[in-house]
Protein backbone atom coordinates (compact mmCIF):
# COMPACT_ATOMS: atom_id res chain seq x y z
CA MET A 1 72.74 -19.30 9.14
CA LYS A 2 72.33 -18.01 5.39
CA GLN A 3 76.04 -17.16 5.13
CA ARG A 4 76.85 -20.51 6.41
CA GLY A 5 74.73 -22.31 3.97
CA ARG A 6 72.80 -24.36 6.77
CA GLY A 7 71.01 -24.36 9.76
CA LEU A 8 67.86 -25.23 11.63
CA VAL A 9 65.05 -22.94 12.80
CA VAL A 10 62.35 -24.49 14.89
CA ASN A 11 59.14 -22.67 15.87
CA VAL A 12 56.25 -24.09 17.92
CA SER A 13 52.99 -24.37 16.96
CA SER A 14 50.47 -26.47 18.02
CA VAL A 15 47.83 -29.31 17.04
CA PHE A 16 45.09 -26.66 17.77
CA GLY A 17 46.62 -24.31 14.97
CA LEU A 18 45.68 -27.22 12.43
CA THR A 19 41.97 -26.79 12.86
CA ALA A 20 39.35 -24.74 14.46
CA VAL A 21 39.10 -24.99 18.10
CA PRO A 22 35.69 -23.25 19.49
CA THR A 23 36.94 -22.57 23.05
CA VAL A 24 40.47 -21.54 22.57
CA LEU A 25 40.18 -18.82 19.44
CA MET A 26 43.05 -16.63 20.07
CA TYR A 27 44.98 -19.56 21.00
CA GLY A 28 44.26 -21.52 18.06
CA ALA A 29 44.67 -18.87 15.78
CA THR A 30 47.92 -17.53 16.87
CA LYS A 31 49.32 -21.38 16.82
CA ALA A 32 47.75 -21.02 13.22
CA PHE A 33 50.13 -18.22 12.48
CA VAL A 34 53.01 -19.74 13.58
CA TYR A 35 52.21 -23.06 11.53
CA SER A 36 51.63 -20.64 8.56
CA PHE A 37 54.43 -18.41 9.09
CA SER A 38 56.71 -21.66 9.24
CA GLU A 39 55.34 -23.09 5.77
CA SER A 40 56.32 -19.51 4.18
CA LEU A 41 59.56 -19.01 6.22
CA ARG A 42 60.57 -22.94 4.71
CA GLU A 43 60.23 -21.80 1.42
CA GLU A 44 62.33 -18.84 1.87
CA LEU A 45 65.17 -20.43 3.66
CA LYS A 46 65.41 -23.41 1.31
CA PRO A 47 67.68 -21.62 -1.51
CA PHE A 48 69.98 -21.05 1.31
CA GLY A 49 70.36 -24.59 2.98
CA VAL A 50 68.78 -23.51 6.12
CA GLU A 51 65.79 -25.94 7.65
CA CYS A 52 62.55 -24.69 9.06
CA GLN A 53 60.30 -27.19 11.28
CA THR A 54 57.55 -26.79 12.75
CA VAL A 55 56.42 -28.65 16.11
CA THR A 56 52.63 -29.37 16.47
CA PRO A 57 52.42 -30.70 19.81
CA HIS A 58 48.97 -32.32 20.77
CA PHE A 59 48.37 -32.40 24.91
CA VAL A 60 51.57 -32.00 27.14
CA ALA A 61 50.79 -31.92 30.87
CA THR A 62 51.33 -28.00 31.54
CA THR A 63 49.67 -25.74 33.75
CA LEU A 64 47.46 -24.95 30.85
CA THR A 65 46.34 -28.29 30.79
CA ASP A 66 46.20 -29.36 34.35
CA THR A 67 42.44 -29.46 34.61
CA PHE A 68 42.42 -32.22 31.56
CA SER A 69 45.29 -34.29 32.23
CA ARG A 70 43.40 -35.39 35.65
CA THR A 71 40.60 -36.80 33.66
CA VAL A 72 40.66 -40.37 32.18
CA LEU A 73 41.22 -38.97 28.70
CA GLY A 74 43.56 -36.79 29.78
CA ARG A 75 45.43 -39.03 31.16
CA LEU A 76 45.55 -41.29 28.11
CA ILE A 77 46.91 -38.94 25.62
CA CYS A 78 48.39 -36.08 28.08
CA VAL A 79 52.40 -36.97 27.80
CA LYS A 80 54.64 -35.85 30.38
CA VAL A 81 57.03 -32.79 29.46
CA GLU A 82 60.23 -34.83 30.21
CA ASN A 83 58.88 -37.64 27.77
CA TYR A 84 57.62 -34.97 25.27
CA GLY A 85 61.56 -33.18 25.11
CA ARG A 86 62.96 -36.83 24.84
CA PHE A 87 61.10 -38.05 21.88
CA LEU A 88 60.94 -34.44 20.11
CA THR A 89 64.56 -34.31 20.21
CA MET A 90 64.67 -37.37 18.16
CA THR A 91 62.38 -35.65 15.59
CA LEU A 92 64.28 -32.60 15.07
CA GLY A 93 65.81 -31.69 11.51
CA LYS A 94 64.24 -34.80 10.25
CA THR A 95 61.09 -33.50 9.05
CA PRO A 96 59.49 -30.00 8.04
CA GLN A 97 56.69 -31.02 10.75
CA THR A 98 57.14 -32.85 13.82
CA THR A 99 54.11 -33.69 16.47
CA GLY A 100 57.19 -34.43 18.18
CA TYR A 101 55.75 -37.53 20.19
CA TRP A 102 54.63 -40.61 18.54
CA ALA A 103 51.35 -40.89 20.54
CA HIS A 104 50.15 -37.13 18.74
CA ALA A 105 51.27 -38.45 15.43
CA VAL A 106 48.83 -40.89 15.80
CA LEU A 107 45.81 -38.27 17.26
CA VAL A 108 46.82 -36.15 14.28
CA THR A 109 46.43 -38.63 12.05
CA ILE A 110 43.03 -39.83 13.25
CA GLN A 111 41.82 -36.17 13.30
CA LYS A 112 42.89 -35.29 9.41
CA LEU A 113 40.26 -38.56 8.76
CA VAL A 114 37.08 -36.58 10.44
CA PRO A 115 35.57 -34.40 8.61
CA LEU A 116 35.98 -30.50 8.75
CA ASP A 117 32.56 -29.80 10.13
CA ILE A 118 32.95 -32.76 12.81
CA MET A 119 36.50 -32.14 14.68
CA PRO A 120 35.43 -28.27 16.17
CA LYS A 121 32.40 -29.80 17.80
CA ILE A 122 34.67 -32.75 19.41
CA TYR A 123 36.82 -29.97 20.62
CA HIS A 124 33.98 -28.04 22.28
CA LYS A 125 32.64 -30.97 24.03
CA LEU A 126 36.04 -31.54 25.22
CA GLY A 127 36.65 -27.60 26.33
CA GLY A 128 35.12 -27.80 29.78
CA SER A 129 37.35 -30.53 30.44
CA LEU A 130 40.12 -28.90 28.74
CA TRP A 131 40.81 -25.62 31.05
CA SER A 132 38.61 -24.97 33.87
CA GLU A 133 36.20 -21.90 33.16
CA LYS A 134 38.19 -19.76 35.82
CA ARG A 135 41.27 -20.63 33.62
CA LEU A 136 39.59 -19.17 30.62
CA LYS A 137 38.24 -15.89 32.10
CA SER A 138 41.93 -15.30 33.79
CA GLY A 139 43.69 -15.89 30.64
């Protein structure tokens, strides 16, 4: 890509990499790394005409979120993989960072308005419904 003078690197992080999430510490920490790595890589590749985009999805209906996606809140904000993929492809290469889905962008905007010391408390309250205790112990 550097030799051609163009290209796009897409790294998938998570909204959990943007804030402290007490119930999934290691997951959030690794996603924060991906986010930071992508931001740095973007700057390194910029002189070569290569773009780097970070995808930070919120809740997507997968086996990781199966318990949460069956709750009332989960049904409202958990998007099906097919729908997420369709919207994500429309955002690829358009901005340095994307949530990949319009509703996730709204959630991230709201999250940014919440004071930093409050957001982890909200996630902690949700923690019991995000992942079952069994999944946390086996993961």
